[in-house]
N, C-alpha and C. Protein backbone atom coordinates (compact mmCIF):
# COMPACT_ATOMS: atom_id res chain seq x y z
N MET A 1 52.73 11.46 -2.53
CA MET A 1 52.58 10.54 -3.64
C MET A 1 51.11 10.44 -4.03
N VAL A 2 50.91 10.19 -5.28
CA VAL A 2 49.57 10.06 -5.83
C VAL A 2 49.26 8.59 -6.05
N GLU A 3 48.03 8.19 -5.75
CA GLU A 3 47.65 6.81 -6.04
C GLU A 3 47.22 6.72 -7.50
N LEU A 4 47.64 5.65 -8.15
CA LEU A 4 47.32 5.46 -9.57
C LEU A 4 47.11 3.99 -9.86
N ARG A 5 46.65 3.70 -11.05
CA ARG A 5 46.50 2.32 -11.52
C ARG A 5 47.75 2.02 -12.33
N CYS A 6 48.61 1.16 -11.80
CA CYS A 6 49.87 0.83 -12.45
C CYS A 6 49.60 0.00 -13.70
N ARG A 7 50.24 0.37 -14.80
CA ARG A 7 50.04 -0.34 -16.06
C ARG A 7 50.72 -1.70 -16.07
N ARG A 8 51.77 -1.87 -15.29
CA ARG A 8 52.48 -3.15 -15.28
C ARG A 8 51.79 -4.19 -14.41
N CYS A 9 51.48 -3.83 -13.15
CA CYS A 9 50.90 -4.80 -12.23
C CYS A 9 49.38 -4.69 -12.12
N ASP A 10 48.82 -3.68 -12.75
CA ASP A 10 47.37 -3.45 -12.78
C ASP A 10 46.76 -3.37 -11.38
N SER A 11 47.49 -2.76 -10.47
CA SER A 11 46.95 -2.56 -9.13
C SER A 11 46.91 -1.08 -8.81
N ALA A 12 46.03 -0.72 -7.89
CA ALA A 12 45.99 0.65 -7.40
C ALA A 12 47.11 0.77 -6.37
N ALA A 13 48.06 1.65 -6.62
CA ALA A 13 49.21 1.77 -5.75
C ALA A 13 49.75 3.20 -5.80
N GLU A 14 50.63 3.51 -4.87
CA GLU A 14 51.24 4.83 -4.86
C GLU A 14 52.23 4.95 -6.00
N GLY A 15 52.15 6.06 -6.69
CA GLY A 15 53.06 6.33 -7.79
C GLY A 15 54.37 6.91 -7.29
N LEU A 16 55.15 7.39 -8.20
CA LEU A 16 56.44 7.99 -7.88
C LEU A 16 56.25 9.44 -7.45
N ASP A 17 57.21 9.97 -6.70
CA ASP A 17 57.15 11.36 -6.25
C ASP A 17 57.38 12.34 -7.39
N ALA A 18 58.24 11.96 -8.32
CA ALA A 18 58.61 12.84 -9.44
C ALA A 18 58.97 11.98 -10.64
N ALA A 19 58.95 12.60 -11.80
CA ALA A 19 59.33 11.89 -13.02
C ALA A 19 60.77 11.42 -12.89
N PRO A 20 61.04 10.14 -13.15
CA PRO A 20 62.39 9.60 -12.99
C PRO A 20 63.32 9.89 -14.16
N LEU A 21 62.74 10.36 -15.25
CA LEU A 21 63.51 10.67 -16.46
C LEU A 21 63.01 12.01 -17.01
N PRO A 22 63.82 12.69 -17.79
CA PRO A 22 63.37 13.96 -18.35
C PRO A 22 62.38 13.76 -19.51
N GLY A 23 61.61 14.80 -19.77
CA GLY A 23 60.76 14.83 -20.96
C GLY A 23 59.52 13.97 -20.90
N ALA A 24 59.01 13.68 -22.10
CA ALA A 24 57.77 12.93 -22.23
C ALA A 24 57.87 11.52 -21.66
N VAL A 25 59.02 10.89 -21.81
CA VAL A 25 59.20 9.53 -21.28
C VAL A 25 59.04 9.54 -19.76
N GLY A 26 59.64 10.51 -19.11
CA GLY A 26 59.52 10.62 -17.66
C GLY A 26 58.08 10.83 -17.22
N GLN A 27 57.34 11.66 -17.97
CA GLN A 27 55.94 11.89 -17.63
C GLN A 27 55.10 10.64 -17.84
N LEU A 28 55.42 9.87 -18.87
CA LEU A 28 54.73 8.61 -19.13
C LEU A 28 54.95 7.64 -17.97
N VAL A 29 56.18 7.53 -17.50
CA VAL A 29 56.49 6.66 -16.36
C VAL A 29 55.76 7.16 -15.12
N LEU A 30 55.81 8.43 -14.86
CA LEU A 30 55.19 9.03 -13.69
C LEU A 30 53.68 8.76 -13.66
N ALA A 31 53.03 8.84 -14.81
CA ALA A 31 51.58 8.70 -14.87
C ALA A 31 51.11 7.25 -14.81
N GLY A 32 51.99 6.28 -15.09
CA GLY A 32 51.50 4.92 -15.20
C GLY A 32 52.29 3.85 -14.48
N THR A 33 53.16 4.23 -13.54
CA THR A 33 54.02 3.24 -12.89
C THR A 33 54.02 3.43 -11.38
N CYS A 34 53.81 2.33 -10.65
CA CYS A 34 53.88 2.41 -9.19
C CYS A 34 55.34 2.30 -8.74
N GLY A 35 55.58 2.67 -7.52
CA GLY A 35 56.93 2.63 -6.98
C GLY A 35 57.54 1.24 -6.97
N ALA A 36 56.73 0.22 -6.67
CA ALA A 36 57.25 -1.15 -6.61
C ALA A 36 57.71 -1.62 -7.99
N CYS A 37 56.92 -1.32 -9.02
CA CYS A 37 57.31 -1.74 -10.37
C CYS A 37 58.50 -0.93 -10.87
N TRP A 38 58.61 0.32 -10.47
CA TRP A 38 59.78 1.11 -10.85
C TRP A 38 61.03 0.49 -10.23
N ASP A 39 60.95 0.04 -8.98
CA ASP A 39 62.09 -0.61 -8.33
C ASP A 39 62.47 -1.90 -9.06
N LEU A 40 61.47 -2.66 -9.51
CA LEU A 40 61.76 -3.87 -10.29
C LEU A 40 62.46 -3.51 -11.60
N TRP A 41 62.01 -2.43 -12.24
CA TRP A 41 62.67 -2.01 -13.48
C TRP A 41 64.12 -1.63 -13.22
N ARG A 42 64.39 -0.93 -12.14
CA ARG A 42 65.76 -0.51 -11.85
C ARG A 42 66.68 -1.72 -11.69
N GLU A 43 66.16 -2.78 -11.07
CA GLU A 43 66.95 -4.02 -10.95
C GLU A 43 67.20 -4.64 -12.34
N GLU A 44 66.15 -4.67 -13.15
CA GLU A 44 66.27 -5.22 -14.50
C GLU A 44 67.24 -4.39 -15.34
N GLN A 45 67.18 -3.08 -15.18
CA GLN A 45 68.06 -2.18 -15.93
C GLN A 45 69.53 -2.45 -15.61
N VAL A 46 69.83 -2.68 -14.35
CA VAL A 46 71.21 -2.99 -13.95
C VAL A 46 71.68 -4.27 -14.66
N LYS A 47 70.81 -5.28 -14.69
CA LYS A 47 71.16 -6.53 -15.37
C LYS A 47 71.44 -6.27 -16.86
N LEU A 48 70.56 -5.50 -17.50
CA LEU A 48 70.74 -5.21 -18.92
C LEU A 48 72.04 -4.45 -19.18
N ILE A 49 72.34 -3.49 -18.35
CA ILE A 49 73.57 -2.70 -18.50
C ILE A 49 74.79 -3.61 -18.37
N ASN A 50 74.78 -4.46 -17.36
CA ASN A 50 75.93 -5.34 -17.13
C ASN A 50 76.06 -6.42 -18.19
N GLU A 51 74.97 -7.08 -18.53
CA GLU A 51 75.03 -8.19 -19.48
C GLU A 51 75.36 -7.73 -20.90
N ASN A 52 74.89 -6.53 -21.25
CA ASN A 52 75.10 -6.02 -22.61
C ASN A 52 76.21 -4.98 -22.69
N LYS A 53 76.89 -4.74 -21.56
CA LYS A 53 77.97 -3.76 -21.50
C LYS A 53 77.54 -2.41 -22.07
N LEU A 54 76.41 -1.91 -21.56
CA LEU A 54 75.84 -0.66 -22.05
C LEU A 54 76.37 0.53 -21.27
N SER A 55 76.35 1.67 -21.91
CA SER A 55 76.67 2.94 -21.26
C SER A 55 75.48 3.88 -21.51
N PRO A 56 74.66 4.13 -20.48
CA PRO A 56 73.50 4.99 -20.67
C PRO A 56 73.84 6.40 -21.17
N ALA A 57 75.09 6.80 -21.07
CA ALA A 57 75.49 8.11 -21.59
C ALA A 57 75.54 8.12 -23.12
N LYS A 58 75.66 6.94 -23.72
CA LYS A 58 75.67 6.84 -25.18
C LYS A 58 74.22 6.83 -25.67
N ALA A 59 73.93 7.64 -26.67
CA ALA A 59 72.56 7.79 -27.16
C ALA A 59 71.92 6.46 -27.57
N GLU A 60 72.66 5.62 -28.28
CA GLU A 60 72.08 4.35 -28.74
C GLU A 60 71.80 3.41 -27.57
N ASP A 61 72.64 3.40 -26.56
CA ASP A 61 72.41 2.56 -25.39
C ASP A 61 71.23 3.09 -24.57
N TYR A 62 71.13 4.41 -24.45
CA TYR A 62 70.02 5.02 -23.73
C TYR A 62 68.70 4.67 -24.41
N GLU A 63 68.65 4.77 -25.73
CA GLU A 63 67.42 4.45 -26.47
C GLU A 63 67.06 2.98 -26.29
N PHE A 64 68.05 2.10 -26.31
CA PHE A 64 67.83 0.68 -26.08
C PHE A 64 67.17 0.47 -24.72
N LEU A 65 67.70 1.14 -23.69
CA LEU A 65 67.15 1.01 -22.34
C LEU A 65 65.74 1.58 -22.24
N VAL A 66 65.50 2.70 -22.90
CA VAL A 66 64.15 3.30 -22.87
C VAL A 66 63.16 2.35 -23.54
N ASP A 67 63.53 1.77 -24.67
CA ASP A 67 62.64 0.82 -25.35
C ASP A 67 62.34 -0.38 -24.46
N ARG A 68 63.36 -0.94 -23.83
CA ARG A 68 63.16 -2.07 -22.94
C ARG A 68 62.30 -1.68 -21.73
N MET A 69 62.53 -0.47 -21.21
CA MET A 69 61.75 0.01 -20.07
C MET A 69 60.28 0.12 -20.43
N LYS A 70 59.99 0.67 -21.60
CA LYS A 70 58.59 0.81 -22.01
C LYS A 70 57.91 -0.55 -22.09
N GLY A 71 58.60 -1.53 -22.62
CA GLY A 71 58.04 -2.88 -22.68
C GLY A 71 57.87 -3.50 -21.31
N PHE A 72 58.87 -3.37 -20.47
CA PHE A 72 58.85 -3.94 -19.13
C PHE A 72 57.71 -3.35 -18.29
N LEU A 73 57.54 -2.03 -18.40
CA LEU A 73 56.52 -1.35 -17.60
C LEU A 73 55.16 -1.27 -18.30
N LYS A 74 55.07 -1.87 -19.49
CA LYS A 74 53.82 -1.88 -20.28
C LYS A 74 53.34 -0.47 -20.59
N LEU A 75 54.25 0.37 -21.00
CA LEU A 75 53.91 1.76 -21.31
C LEU A 75 53.64 1.98 -22.79
N GLU A 76 53.80 0.95 -23.60
CA GLU A 76 53.59 1.10 -25.05
C GLU A 76 52.16 0.76 -25.39
């Protein structure tokens, strides 16, 4: 793991081992998110999926989750 400055918690921490998503979004997460904040996002994502009855396989639901993730992780 690489140490980085997490954009969400603004601490120097170990990053992720690999990009958690494909493409540019995954690289953005990899470059600016620590493992602890990624775990927090995964918990939040489950809540969003359940509360909003989302299906990440559907393009519109996936985009909704990506937008929320960027805000949550302060990647925008």
